[in-house]
Amino acid sequence: MKFSTTTASSLAALKTQVLAAGVFSDGTLSAAAEALDAACGGTLRRIAKADFDGAVGQSLTLHKPEGITADKVILLGLGRPDAYQASTLVRAHQALAKVCLSTNAQSAISTLCALPCPDADATQRARLIARTAMTESYQYDHTLSTRKPSRTWNTLTLHVPRAQAANTRTGLDQGAAIGKGTNFARLLGDLPANVCTPTYLGQAAKALAREFKTLKAEVLDQKKIEALKMGSFLSVAKGSAEPPAFIVLRYTPDAAAARKTKPIVLVGKGVTFDAGGISIKPAAAMDEMKYDMCGAASVLGTLRAVAELNLPREVIGIIPSCENLPSGTANKPGDVVTSLSGKTIEILNTDAEGRLILCDALTYAERFKPAVVIDMATLTGACVVALGHVNSGLFTQDDTLAAELLAAGREALDPAWRLPLEDDYQELLKSNFADTANIGGRPAGAITAACFLSRFTPLYRWAHLDIAGTAWRSGSQKGATGRPVPLLMQYLLEHLPA
């Protein structure tokens, strides 16, 4: 999909299949809609008044209005003028995408980016619009016998004032890359577990490294993982016939400024199927445990976007990947394993496996002397109970890092909510037979999971994102969301060297 800008003075004379303008719920026309209304002798206002209430997410199509060159004018509902914000802009462009995709329109011009928004400047608005256009075009058909017809519209052009054109183009480039990275993460999540195995994830990382010269992929096999003495990670992997993979995807830009800063490390849980091990899960909805690798998928999606934008900051992705299945070789409740850090862990519940593979990856991250480490994992059902499917759970004892990540989530419309990580919770992880237990019981389950991970992060700034409630949707709309790729990219964009 191609994105561009136009600063043409006459909207009515623009040649395109679809031309979109906004209307508020009180009947107020946006400036662009006013100009188009004048060109067609008041037709837009009359039709909007009779047939359109301007609610957020609504659209109305006018075919070849007299005095306007475009084949169709799409009126997009913007809600109340005093409530207009970035999320409204996204919902309006979701509605525009739906029209374009359902009518097979190949070119569209939107005038909404020029509309001032209290919580987003021109760059941010363009970034959100491009990302929305990309993600709304996503469709899964990789395991269907017949591929679906393409849903991608060819071009989206934003009509903006000349003074905003440069910033708008920057935002479009960023949004397109973030959209592609988000869709890549969604695809990996949606693939079935018999396709998207740990080996497949390693191959995906290597394919990205072939596509972008600034990426280098290293995939450690079982022998190399054993040589490193990642006993906690390997204890989970041993229950499956699928071999584990420890993936390191390193982005090293050409920019000299990048060599003066420490890298940002992203760690993603890559359990490509989680049956719970011996502590087996209930059968209902177990198919959705193919999404237990969405943390890994978001790392790969983020690195893809970083490489496409050629950001001047070194970013390293680390993915421990395996399956968690019940078998004669699987972990048993009560087993004690030794992690890469040397700490011993009593496994009280084999379904608390994500933290067992992440702890070794977090220890491994020390070798990069990182500025920040952020891990993301579909880690606990307790986080879903606490926050539902709106906010990802954020855990860190670093107040500055927490504020930065929360702000990035708000701006990217990929929100997180901070939960406590106080030392008093650590008491719940006591074990009589090892340095730590892998669970702390039913109370505060998401918090004690984060407490467990924190024990392996003493040498760097660290935050944990529990995405169990936000990485995918269930029901009729079942599918991966690609979150938190937008949040991570927003954070990275705000932490580039000067």
Protein backbone atom coordinates (compact mmCIF):
# COMPACT_ATOMS: atom_id res chain seq x y z
CA MET A 1 0.00 0.00 0.00
CA LYS A 2 1.30 3.45 -0.91
CA PHE A 3 0.83 6.62 1.10
CA SER A 4 1.25 10.19 -0.08
CA THR A 5 0.18 13.78 0.59
CA THR A 6 -1.45 16.47 -1.49
CA THR A 7 -1.70 20.19 -0.81
CA ALA A 8 -3.99 20.95 -3.77
CA SER A 9 -6.07 24.08 -3.27
CA SER A 10 -9.26 22.69 -4.81
CA LEU A 11 -10.68 19.60 -3.12
CA ALA A 12 -13.55 19.41 -5.58
CA ALA A 13 -11.12 19.03 -8.50
CA LEU A 14 -9.15 16.10 -7.03
CA LYS A 15 -9.34 12.93 -9.10
CA THR A 16 -9.82 9.86 -6.94
CA GLN A 17 -12.24 7.01 -6.45
CA VAL A 18 -12.98 7.99 -2.85
CA LEU A 19 -12.76 11.40 -1.17
CA ALA A 20 -13.43 11.45 2.59
CA ALA A 21 -14.51 14.39 4.76
CA GLY A 22 -15.76 14.65 8.32
CA VAL A 23 -19.11 15.61 9.84
CA PHE A 24 -19.76 16.13 13.55
CA SER A 25 -22.84 14.81 15.33
CA ASP A 26 -24.27 18.31 15.81
CA GLY A 27 -24.31 18.75 12.05
CA THR A 28 -21.16 20.84 11.90
CA LEU A 29 -19.14 20.17 8.76
CA SER A 30 -15.36 20.02 8.86
CA ALA A 31 -13.59 22.71 6.85
CA ALA A 32 -12.99 20.22 4.04
CA ALA A 33 -16.63 19.14 4.05
CA GLU A 34 -17.65 22.82 3.93
CA ALA A 35 -15.51 23.33 0.83
CA LEU A 36 -17.00 20.28 -0.87
CA ASP A 37 -20.51 21.34 0.12
CA ALA A 38 -19.96 24.73 -1.51
CA ALA A 39 -18.76 23.03 -4.70
CA CYS A 40 -21.88 20.89 -4.99
CA GLY A 41 -24.38 23.59 -4.09
CA GLY A 42 -25.17 22.50 -0.55
CA THR A 43 -25.91 18.85 -1.36
CA LEU A 44 -23.62 17.48 1.35
CA ARG A 45 -25.26 19.50 4.10
CA ARG A 46 -28.79 18.61 2.98
CA ILE A 47 -28.05 14.89 2.75
CA ALA A 48 -26.10 14.84 5.99
CA LYS A 49 -28.92 16.62 7.81
CA ALA A 50 -31.51 14.15 6.53
CA ASP A 51 -29.66 10.83 6.55
CA PHE A 52 -26.56 11.07 8.76
CA ASP A 53 -26.19 11.73 12.47
CA GLY A 54 -22.37 11.97 12.48
CA ALA A 55 -21.82 9.33 15.18
CA VAL A 56 -18.25 8.11 15.59
CA GLY A 57 -17.53 5.22 13.23
CA GLN A 58 -20.46 5.89 10.90
CA SER A 59 -20.08 6.62 7.19
CA LEU A 60 -22.33 7.78 4.35
CA THR A 61 -21.46 7.37 0.68
CA LEU A 62 -22.45 9.92 -1.96
CA HIS A 63 -21.97 8.77 -5.55
CA LYS A 64 -20.59 11.30 -8.03
CA PRO A 65 -22.00 14.46 -6.45
CA GLU A 66 -22.42 17.26 -8.98
CA GLY A 67 -19.52 19.73 -9.00
CA ILE A 68 -17.04 17.23 -7.47
CA THR A 69 -14.58 15.22 -9.57
CA ALA A 70 -14.20 12.27 -7.18
CA ASP A 71 -16.25 9.16 -7.95
CA LYS A 72 -17.52 9.01 -4.36
CA VAL A 73 -17.57 11.33 -1.39
CA ILE A 74 -17.57 9.51 1.96
CA LEU A 75 -18.85 11.41 4.97
CA LEU A 76 -17.23 10.13 8.15
CA GLY A 77 -18.86 10.60 11.54
CA LEU A 78 -16.73 12.45 14.10
CA GLY A 79 -19.07 12.55 17.11
CA ARG A 80 -19.31 15.61 19.32
CA PRO A 81 -16.92 18.46 18.45
CA ASP A 82 -15.87 18.83 22.09
CA ALA A 83 -15.01 15.11 22.32
CA TYR A 84 -12.99 14.85 19.10
CA GLN A 85 -9.64 13.12 19.74
CA ALA A 86 -7.10 10.74 18.20
CA SER A 87 -9.23 7.65 18.88
CA THR A 88 -12.07 9.29 16.89
CA LEU A 89 -9.69 9.81 13.99
CA VAL A 90 -8.77 6.12 14.05
CA ARG A 91 -12.39 4.95 14.16
CA ALA A 92 -13.23 7.26 11.24
CA HIS A 93 -10.46 5.75 9.15
CA GLN A 94 -11.53 2.25 10.13
CA ALA A 95 -14.91 3.15 8.63
CA LEU A 96 -13.20 4.57 5.52
CA ALA A 97 -11.16 1.38 5.15
CA LYS A 98 -14.31 -0.72 5.41
CA VAL A 99 -15.90 1.22 2.56
CA CYS A 100 -12.81 1.08 0.37
CA LEU A 101 -12.25 -2.62 0.93
CA SER A 102 -15.90 -3.60 0.45
CA THR A 103 -16.18 -1.64 -2.82
CA ASN A 104 -12.72 -2.62 -4.10
CA ALA A 105 -11.72 1.04 -4.34
CA GLN A 106 -8.04 1.37 -5.16
CA SER A 107 -7.44 5.04 -4.39
CA ALA A 108 -8.70 7.28 -1.61
CA ILE A 109 -8.01 10.77 -0.34
CA SER A 110 -8.73 11.66 3.28
CA THR A 111 -9.05 15.23 4.49
CA LEU A 112 -9.18 14.41 8.19
CA CYS A 113 -5.47 14.61 8.92
CA ALA A 114 -5.68 18.39 8.53
CA LEU A 115 -8.36 18.60 11.23
CA PRO A 116 -6.78 19.79 14.52
CA CYS A 117 -6.85 17.23 17.30
CA PRO A 118 -6.14 18.07 20.96
CA ASP A 119 -4.10 14.94 21.67
CA ALA A 120 -2.22 14.44 18.40
CA ASP A 121 -0.13 16.71 16.18
CA ALA A 122 0.15 16.34 12.39
CA THR A 123 2.86 13.67 12.58
CA GLN A 124 0.93 11.65 15.15
CA ARG A 125 -2.30 11.93 13.18
CA ALA A 126 -0.65 10.73 9.98
CA ARG A 127 1.06 7.89 11.86
CA LEU A 128 -2.26 6.67 13.25
CA ILE A 129 -4.02 6.94 9.89
CA ALA A 130 -1.37 4.95 8.01
CA ARG A 131 -1.20 2.31 10.71
CA THR A 132 -4.98 1.98 10.69
CA ALA A 133 -5.09 1.61 6.91
CA MET A 134 -2.50 -1.16 7.08
CA THR A 135 -4.04 -3.09 9.95
CA GLU A 136 -7.59 -2.84 8.59
CA SER A 137 -6.33 -4.48 5.39
CA TYR A 138 -5.05 -7.54 7.25
CA GLN A 139 -6.68 -10.86 6.49
CA TYR A 140 -5.62 -14.39 7.35
CA ASP A 141 -5.75 -17.05 4.63
CA HIS A 142 -2.46 -18.93 4.96
CA THR A 143 -4.02 -22.26 5.82
CA LEU A 144 -7.11 -22.02 3.60
CA SER A 145 -7.32 -24.20 0.50
CA THR A 146 -8.16 -21.13 -1.58
CA ARG A 147 -6.57 -17.77 -0.92
CA LYS A 148 -8.98 -14.88 -0.40
CA PRO A 149 -8.98 -11.99 -2.88
CA SER A 150 -6.60 -9.25 -1.82
CA ARG A 151 -8.14 -6.65 0.50
CA THR A 152 -5.37 -4.10 0.09
CA TRP A 153 -6.28 -0.76 -1.44
CA ASN A 154 -3.42 0.66 -3.48
CA THR A 155 -3.08 4.27 -2.36
CA LEU A 156 -4.18 6.53 0.45
CA THR A 157 -3.43 10.22 0.11
CA LEU A 158 -3.81 12.78 2.89
CA HIS A 159 -4.89 16.29 1.98
CA VAL A 160 -3.08 18.71 4.31
CA PRO A 161 -1.91 22.35 4.34
CA ARG A 162 1.48 22.88 2.79
CA ALA A 163 2.94 23.76 6.22
CA GLN A 164 2.03 20.29 7.52
CA ALA A 165 3.17 18.27 4.49
CA ALA A 166 6.67 17.35 5.71
CA ASN A 167 5.52 16.24 9.16
CA THR A 168 2.63 14.35 7.61
CA ARG A 169 4.96 12.42 5.30
CA THR A 170 7.14 11.50 8.31
CA GLY A 171 4.09 10.23 10.15
CA LEU A 172 2.92 8.23 7.14
CA ASP A 173 6.28 6.48 6.84
CA GLN A 174 6.24 5.63 10.54
CA GLY A 175 2.63 4.46 10.51
CA ALA A 176 3.14 2.26 7.45
CA ALA A 177 6.12 0.54 9.06
CA ILE A 178 4.31 0.08 12.37
CA GLY A 179 1.28 -1.29 10.53
CA LYS A 180 3.41 -3.81 8.65
CA GLY A 181 5.13 -4.87 11.86
CA THR A 182 1.79 -5.23 13.64
CA ASN A 183 0.37 -7.33 10.81
CA PHE A 184 3.48 -9.51 10.80
CA ALA A 185 3.01 -10.16 14.52
CA ARG A 186 -0.67 -10.94 13.90
CA LEU A 187 0.16 -13.43 11.17
CA LEU A 188 2.64 -15.29 13.37
CA GLY A 189 0.08 -15.43 16.15
CA ASP A 190 -2.74 -16.63 13.91
CA LEU A 191 -0.75 -19.46 12.34
CA PRO A 192 -1.60 -22.85 13.88
CA ALA A 193 0.86 -24.41 16.28
CA ASN A 194 1.68 -27.25 13.90
CA VAL A 195 2.98 -24.62 11.47
CA CYS A 196 4.37 -21.93 13.75
CA THR A 197 6.77 -24.05 15.78
CA PRO A 198 9.91 -22.81 17.55
CA THR A 199 11.83 -23.77 14.41
CA TYR A 200 9.42 -21.69 12.31
CA LEU A 201 9.93 -18.65 14.53
CA GLY A 202 13.67 -19.02 14.08
CA GLN A 203 13.21 -19.19 10.33
CA ALA A 204 11.03 -16.07 10.46
CA ALA A 205 13.81 -14.20 12.26
CA LYS A 206 16.34 -15.32 9.66
CA ALA A 207 14.00 -14.25 6.85
CA LEU A 208 13.82 -10.76 8.35
CA ALA A 209 17.62 -10.65 8.51
CA ARG A 210 17.76 -11.52 4.81
CA GLU A 211 15.25 -8.78 4.02
CA PHE A 212 16.98 -6.04 6.03
CA LYS A 213 20.76 -5.78 6.03
CA THR A 214 20.70 -4.00 9.42
CA LEU A 215 19.30 -7.15 11.09
CA LYS A 216 21.33 -10.16 12.13
CA ALA A 217 19.66 -13.34 13.36
CA GLU A 218 21.19 -16.06 15.51
CA VAL A 219 19.16 -19.15 16.42
CA LEU A 220 20.63 -21.35 19.14
CA ASP A 221 19.61 -25.01 18.98
CA GLN A 222 19.21 -27.40 21.90
CA LYS A 223 22.91 -28.28 22.14
CA LYS A 224 23.92 -24.62 22.34
CA ILE A 225 21.16 -23.91 24.86
CA GLU A 226 22.41 -26.82 26.96
CA ALA A 227 25.98 -25.51 26.71
CA LEU A 228 24.78 -22.18 28.11
CA LYS A 229 23.14 -24.08 31.02
CA MET A 230 19.66 -22.63 30.56
CA GLY A 231 18.19 -25.31 32.78
CA SER A 232 14.92 -23.49 33.47
CA PHE A 233 14.12 -22.93 29.78
CA LEU A 234 15.12 -26.47 28.83
CA SER A 235 12.96 -27.98 31.56
CA VAL A 236 9.86 -26.65 29.79
CA ALA A 237 11.04 -27.70 26.34
CA LYS A 238 11.78 -31.31 27.33
CA GLY A 239 8.09 -32.22 27.45
CA SER A 240 7.72 -31.84 23.67
CA ALA A 241 9.14 -33.59 20.61
CA GLU A 242 9.54 -30.16 18.99
CA PRO A 243 13.06 -28.84 19.57
CA PRO A 244 13.43 -25.50 21.33
CA ALA A 245 14.97 -22.43 19.75
CA PHE A 246 16.63 -19.47 21.42
CA ILE A 247 16.43 -16.60 18.97
CA VAL A 248 18.50 -13.41 19.03
CA LEU A 249 17.61 -10.80 16.40
CA ARG A 250 19.95 -7.84 16.52
CA TYR A 251 19.31 -4.52 14.78
CA THR A 252 22.47 -2.47 14.27
CA PRO A 253 21.94 0.75 12.31
CA ASP A 254 24.56 2.48 10.24
CA ALA A 255 24.14 5.76 12.13
CA ALA A 256 27.20 6.74 14.16
CA ALA A 257 24.94 8.13 16.90
CA ALA A 258 23.63 4.65 17.59
CA ARG A 259 27.08 3.46 18.63
CA LYS A 260 27.13 6.02 21.46
CA THR A 261 24.07 4.61 23.19
CA LYS A 262 23.40 1.33 24.93
CA PRO A 263 20.92 -0.99 23.20
CA ILE A 264 17.29 -1.42 24.11
CA VAL A 265 16.50 -5.12 24.53
CA LEU A 266 13.07 -6.61 23.91
CA VAL A 267 12.34 -10.09 25.27
CA GLY A 268 9.31 -12.05 24.09
CA LYS A 269 7.76 -15.26 25.40
CA GLY A 270 7.64 -17.78 22.55
CA VAL A 271 5.61 -20.77 23.77
CA THR A 272 4.17 -21.83 20.43
CA PHE A 273 1.62 -24.07 22.14
CA ASP A 274 0.83 -24.26 25.83
CA ALA A 275 -1.21 -27.24 27.02
CA GLY A 276 -0.09 -26.52 30.58
CA GLY A 277 2.22 -29.51 30.84
CA ILE A 278 1.39 -32.00 33.60
CA SER A 279 -0.75 -29.23 35.18
CA ILE A 280 -2.88 -29.52 32.06
CA LYS A 281 -5.34 -26.81 31.06
CA PRO A 282 -9.09 -27.38 30.60
CA ALA A 283 -10.03 -28.44 27.06
CA ALA A 284 -12.33 -25.47 26.43
CA ALA A 285 -10.58 -22.83 24.31
CA MET A 286 -7.26 -24.66 24.54
CA ASP A 287 -6.85 -24.04 20.80
CA GLU A 288 -6.19 -20.41 21.71
CA MET A 289 -2.98 -21.45 23.42
CA LYS A 290 -1.33 -21.17 20.01
CA TYR A 291 -1.34 -17.46 20.93
CA ASP A 292 1.05 -18.07 23.82
CA MET A 293 3.87 -16.95 21.54
CA CYS A 294 2.42 -13.49 20.90
CA GLY A 295 5.18 -11.90 22.98
CA ALA A 296 7.70 -13.41 20.59
CA ALA A 297 5.61 -12.30 17.61
CA SER A 298 5.52 -8.73 18.89
CA VAL A 299 9.32 -8.70 19.22
CA LEU A 300 9.70 -9.81 15.60
CA GLY A 301 7.05 -7.34 14.44
CA THR A 302 8.72 -4.49 16.28
CA LEU A 303 12.16 -5.35 14.90
CA ARG A 304 10.66 -5.43 11.41
CA ALA A 305 9.29 -1.91 11.84
CA VAL A 306 12.54 -0.68 13.38
CA ALA A 307 14.54 -1.99 10.42
CA GLU A 308 12.17 -0.55 7.84
CA LEU A 309 12.44 2.88 9.44
CA ASN A 310 16.21 2.50 9.89
CA LEU A 311 16.00 3.98 13.38
CA PRO A 312 19.31 5.31 14.74
CA ARG A 313 19.21 3.17 17.89
CA GLU A 314 20.44 -0.38 18.45
CA VAL A 315 17.58 -2.72 19.36
CA ILE A 316 17.97 -6.40 20.25
CA GLY A 317 15.21 -8.97 20.33
CA ILE A 318 15.51 -12.13 22.45
CA ILE A 319 13.02 -14.97 22.09
CA PRO A 320 13.08 -18.23 24.06
CA SER A 321 10.73 -20.55 22.17
CA CYS A 322 9.40 -24.03 22.88
CA GLU A 323 6.18 -25.95 23.48
CA ASN A 324 4.72 -26.85 26.88
CA LEU A 325 3.13 -30.30 26.66
CA PRO A 326 2.42 -33.21 29.02
CA SER A 327 4.56 -36.27 28.42
CA GLY A 328 6.76 -38.78 30.18
CA THR A 329 9.65 -36.32 29.95
CA ALA A 330 7.76 -33.20 31.02
CA ASN A 331 8.32 -31.20 34.19
CA LYS A 332 6.49 -32.53 37.25
CA PRO A 333 5.09 -30.42 40.09
CA GLY A 334 7.76 -30.41 42.77
CA ASP A 335 10.71 -30.64 40.38
CA VAL A 336 13.63 -28.31 41.06
CA VAL A 337 15.61 -26.84 38.14
CA THR A 338 18.64 -24.57 37.91
CA SER A 339 18.39 -21.41 35.84
CA LEU A 340 21.10 -19.72 33.78
CA SER A 341 21.59 -17.29 36.68
CA GLY A 342 22.42 -20.19 39.00
CA LYS A 343 19.23 -19.69 41.03
CA THR A 344 17.22 -22.82 41.69
CA ILE A 345 13.46 -22.93 41.08
CA GLU A 346 10.84 -25.25 42.53
CA ILE A 347 8.16 -25.88 39.90
CA LEU A 348 4.90 -25.98 41.82
CA ASN A 349 2.77 -25.60 38.70
CA THR A 350 3.97 -26.61 35.24
CA ASP A 351 1.45 -24.23 33.64
CA ALA A 352 3.46 -21.33 35.01
CA GLU A 353 6.02 -22.05 32.30
CA GLY A 354 6.36 -18.66 30.65
CA ARG A 355 8.35 -17.26 33.55
CA LEU A 356 10.59 -20.36 33.46
CA ILE A 357 11.72 -19.63 29.92
CA LEU A 358 11.79 -15.84 30.34
CA CYS A 359 14.03 -15.90 33.39
CA ASP A 360 16.88 -17.46 31.39
CA ALA A 361 16.33 -14.98 28.55
CA LEU A 362 16.43 -12.08 31.01
CA THR A 363 19.72 -13.35 32.43
CA TYR A 364 21.08 -13.75 28.90
CA ALA A 365 20.18 -10.09 28.21
CA GLU A 366 22.83 -8.97 30.72
CA ARG A 367 25.60 -9.63 28.19
CA PHE A 368 24.40 -6.76 26.00
CA LYS A 369 24.78 -4.18 28.80
CA PRO A 370 21.38 -2.77 27.90
CA ALA A 371 19.98 0.66 28.60
CA VAL A 372 16.54 -0.87 29.14
CA VAL A 373 15.03 -4.35 28.92
CA ILE A 374 11.31 -4.74 28.24
CA ASP A 375 9.78 -8.18 28.24
CA MET A 376 6.30 -9.00 26.96
CA ALA A 377 4.41 -12.19 27.57
CA THR A 378 0.97 -13.72 27.57
CA LEU A 379 1.84 -14.61 31.12
CA THR A 380 -1.15 -14.84 33.45
CA GLY A 381 -4.88 -15.32 33.42
CA ALA A 382 -4.84 -13.22 36.58
CA CYS A 383 -3.93 -10.17 34.50
CA VAL A 384 -6.98 -10.77 32.30
CA VAL A 385 -9.17 -10.92 35.41
CA ALA A 386 -7.65 -7.67 36.67
CA LEU A 387 -7.60 -5.61 33.47
CA GLY A 388 -9.77 -7.40 30.94
CA HIS A 389 -8.93 -6.91 27.27
CA VAL A 390 -8.29 -3.15 27.18
CA ASN A 391 -5.04 -2.49 29.02
CA SER A 392 -1.88 -4.56 29.06
CA GLY A 393 -0.43 -4.99 32.54
CA LEU A 394 2.73 -2.99 33.23
CA PHE A 395 5.13 -3.91 36.02
CA THR A 396 8.34 -2.13 36.97
CA GLN A 397 9.92 -0.55 40.01
CA ASP A 398 11.37 2.18 37.78
CA ASP A 399 8.94 5.11 38.00
CA THR A 400 10.50 6.97 35.07
CA LEU A 401 10.34 3.93 32.81
CA ALA A 402 6.75 3.29 33.87
CA ALA A 403 5.74 6.85 33.01
CA GLU A 404 7.45 6.64 29.62
CA LEU A 405 5.78 3.36 28.70
CA LEU A 406 2.36 4.48 29.89
CA ALA A 407 2.67 7.69 27.86
CA ALA A 408 3.77 5.73 24.79
CA GLY A 409 0.77 3.44 25.16
CA ARG A 410 -1.62 6.38 25.40
CA GLU A 411 -0.18 8.08 22.33
CA ALA A 412 -0.17 4.85 20.30
CA LEU A 413 -3.72 3.99 21.46
CA ASP A 414 -2.21 0.74 22.75
CA PRO A 415 -2.74 1.37 26.48
CA ALA A 416 -1.18 -0.23 29.52
CA TRP A 417 -2.00 0.07 33.23
CA ARG A 418 0.61 -0.07 35.95
CA LEU A 419 0.17 -2.68 38.66
CA PRO A 420 2.19 -2.84 41.90
CA LEU A 421 5.50 -4.61 42.22
CA GLU A 422 6.24 -4.17 45.89
CA ASP A 423 8.77 -6.23 47.83
CA ASP A 424 6.11 -7.54 50.21
CA TYR A 425 4.69 -9.67 47.38
CA GLN A 426 8.03 -11.48 47.05
CA GLU A 427 7.26 -13.37 50.27
CA LEU A 428 4.64 -15.40 48.39
CA LEU A 429 7.38 -17.04 46.26
CA LYS A 430 9.21 -18.67 49.17
CA SER A 431 10.16 -22.32 48.73
CA ASN A 432 11.40 -24.86 51.27
CA PHE A 433 13.41 -26.68 48.61
CA ALA A 434 14.78 -24.06 46.18
CA ASP A 435 15.78 -20.42 45.98
CA THR A 436 12.31 -19.55 44.70
CA ALA A 437 9.01 -21.16 43.77
CA ASN A 438 7.61 -20.51 40.32
CA ILE A 439 4.16 -19.52 41.65
CA GLY A 440 2.88 -17.75 44.72
CA GLY A 441 -0.64 -19.16 44.94
CA ARG A 442 -3.94 -17.65 43.79
CA PRO A 443 -3.64 -14.18 45.38
CA ALA A 444 -2.05 -11.49 43.18
CA GLY A 445 -1.11 -13.98 40.47
CA ALA A 446 -0.03 -11.44 37.86
CA ILE A 447 2.00 -9.57 40.47
CA THR A 448 3.84 -12.60 41.81
CA ALA A 449 4.65 -13.63 38.23
CA ALA A 450 6.27 -10.24 37.71
CA CYS A 451 8.01 -10.56 41.09
CA PHE A 452 9.49 -13.85 39.94
CA LEU A 453 10.86 -12.23 36.76
CA SER A 454 12.23 -9.27 38.71
CA ARG A 455 14.59 -11.62 40.56
CA PHE A 456 16.49 -12.10 37.30
CA THR A 457 16.84 -8.40 36.37
CA PRO A 458 19.07 -6.77 39.02
CA LEU A 459 21.68 -5.40 36.63
CA TYR A 460 19.57 -3.19 34.36
CA ARG A 461 16.41 -1.10 34.07
CA TRP A 462 13.52 -3.43 33.38
CA ALA A 463 9.79 -3.48 32.73
CA HIS A 464 7.37 -6.35 32.14
CA LEU A 465 4.23 -6.22 29.99
CA ASP A 466 1.63 -8.90 30.65
CA ILE A 467 -0.33 -9.06 27.39
CA ALA A 468 -2.48 -12.09 28.19
CA GLY A 469 -5.64 -10.00 27.82
CA THR A 470 -4.63 -7.89 24.82
CA ALA A 471 -2.59 -10.08 22.44
CA TRP A 472 -5.60 -11.72 20.81
CA ARG A 473 -9.38 -11.66 20.60
CA SER A 474 -11.70 -14.61 21.16
CA GLY A 475 -15.13 -15.47 19.82
CA SER A 476 -16.34 -14.63 16.32
CA GLN A 477 -13.55 -12.08 15.93
CA LYS A 478 -10.86 -14.55 17.05
CA GLY A 479 -7.43 -13.43 15.96
CA ALA A 480 -4.16 -11.87 17.06
CA THR A 481 -4.09 -8.10 17.63
CA GLY A 482 -0.37 -7.44 17.17
CA ARG A 483 -0.23 -5.61 20.48
CA PRO A 484 2.02 -4.26 21.95
CA VAL A 485 3.94 -3.48 18.73
CA PRO A 486 2.46 0.06 18.53
CA LEU A 487 3.33 0.81 22.17
CA LEU A 488 6.89 -0.48 21.75
CA MET A 489 7.44 1.47 18.54
CA GLN A 490 6.15 4.67 20.12
CA TYR A 491 8.55 4.15 23.03
CA LEU A 492 11.47 3.55 20.64
CA LEU A 493 10.62 6.61 18.52
CA GLU A 494 10.79 8.73 21.65
CA HIS A 495 14.16 7.31 22.72
CA LEU A 496 16.33 7.96 19.70
CA PRO A 497 19.74 9.60 20.17
CA ALA A 498 19.80 13.33 19.54
